[in-house]
Amino acid sequence: MKKYSNTVWTIFLLYVLILLFSVHSLVIFIAGLAMLSIPVGLRNMLIVDFKNRTKWFNVVMTIVDILLLATIIWINIK
């Protein structure tokens, strides 16, 4: 694998970051819409489970976002 310039890596990682962020937002949005279409009684039972799942999803995605940003900064510093 030949050595790419810092700019190429930065643009690639920014692209991945934006892609992940949009997927992340879309999943939360679709899950929210799905929750709205469920009858109220059932929704109240599911909401706890939904919050737990999205909480972990948010934590994981935030960690991934931070790691990608750190990688971009590190590439540009070195």
Protein backbone atom coordinates (compact mmCIF):
# COMPACT_ATOMS: atom_id res chain seq x y z
CA MET A 1 0.00 0.00 0.00
CA LYS A 2 1.53 3.29 -1.07
CA LYS A 3 1.69 6.23 1.30
CA TYR A 4 -1.19 8.65 0.89
CA SER A 5 -0.94 12.30 1.87
CA ASN A 6 -2.46 13.60 5.10
CA THR A 7 -5.12 15.47 3.14
CA VAL A 8 -6.41 12.29 1.49
CA TRP A 9 -6.69 10.51 4.84
CA THR A 10 -8.35 13.55 6.44
CA ILE A 11 -10.95 13.84 3.68
CA PHE A 12 -11.62 10.09 3.80
CA LEU A 13 -12.04 10.05 7.60
CA LEU A 14 -14.25 13.16 7.53
CA TYR A 15 -16.40 11.43 4.92
CA VAL A 16 -16.69 8.33 7.16
CA LEU A 17 -17.50 10.57 10.15
CA ILE A 18 -20.29 12.39 8.29
CA LEU A 19 -21.64 9.09 6.94
CA LEU A 20 -21.71 7.50 10.41
CA PHE A 21 -23.30 10.59 11.93
CA SER A 22 -26.08 10.68 9.32
CA VAL A 23 -26.77 6.93 9.74
CA HIS A 24 -26.83 7.44 13.52
CA SER A 25 -29.33 10.31 13.24
CA LEU A 26 -31.46 8.40 10.72
CA VAL A 27 -31.68 5.31 12.96
CA ILE A 28 -32.79 7.41 15.95
CA PHE A 29 -35.31 9.25 13.74
CA ILE A 30 -36.80 6.02 12.30
CA ALA A 31 -36.93 4.43 15.76
CA GLY A 32 -38.76 7.53 17.02
CA LEU A 33 -41.27 7.34 14.16
CA ALA A 34 -41.81 3.64 14.85
CA MET A 35 -42.52 4.45 18.50
CA LEU A 36 -45.16 7.03 17.47
CA SER A 37 -47.10 4.53 15.38
CA ILE A 38 -47.43 2.02 18.26
CA PRO A 39 -50.59 2.26 20.45
CA VAL A 40 -50.09 4.14 23.75
CA GLY A 41 -50.46 1.16 26.13
CA LEU A 42 -47.88 -0.89 24.26
CA ARG A 43 -45.62 2.14 23.82
CA ASN A 44 -45.39 2.69 27.58
CA MET A 45 -44.09 -0.87 28.03
CA LEU A 46 -41.61 -0.54 25.15
CA ILE A 47 -40.30 2.94 25.97
CA VAL A 48 -37.99 1.72 28.79
CA ASP A 49 -36.45 -0.88 26.48
CA PHE A 50 -36.20 1.68 23.67
CA LYS A 51 -34.41 4.19 25.91
CA ASN A 52 -31.91 1.56 27.09
CA ARG A 53 -31.14 0.47 23.54
CA THR A 54 -30.75 3.97 22.14
CA LYS A 55 -28.65 4.99 25.15
CA TRP A 56 -26.07 2.28 24.39
CA PHE A 57 -26.28 3.02 20.67
CA ASN A 58 -25.62 6.71 21.39
CA VAL A 59 -22.68 5.92 23.69
CA VAL A 60 -21.05 3.62 21.11
CA MET A 61 -21.59 6.08 18.24
CA THR A 62 -20.21 8.97 20.30
CA ILE A 63 -17.06 6.96 21.12
CA VAL A 64 -16.63 6.10 17.42
CA ASP A 65 -17.10 9.76 16.44
CA ILE A 66 -14.54 10.92 19.02
CA LEU A 67 -12.01 8.28 17.90
CA LEU A 68 -12.42 9.32 14.26
CA LEU A 69 -11.96 13.00 15.14
CA ALA A 70 -8.89 12.16 17.23
CA THR A 71 -7.46 10.17 14.29
CA ILE A 72 -8.02 13.12 11.94
CA ILE A 73 -6.28 15.51 14.35
CA TRP A 74 -3.40 13.04 14.94
CA ILE A 75 -2.85 12.58 11.18
CA ASN A 76 -2.63 16.33 10.69
CA ILE A 77 -0.29 16.89 13.63
CA LYS A 78 2.29 14.24 12.75
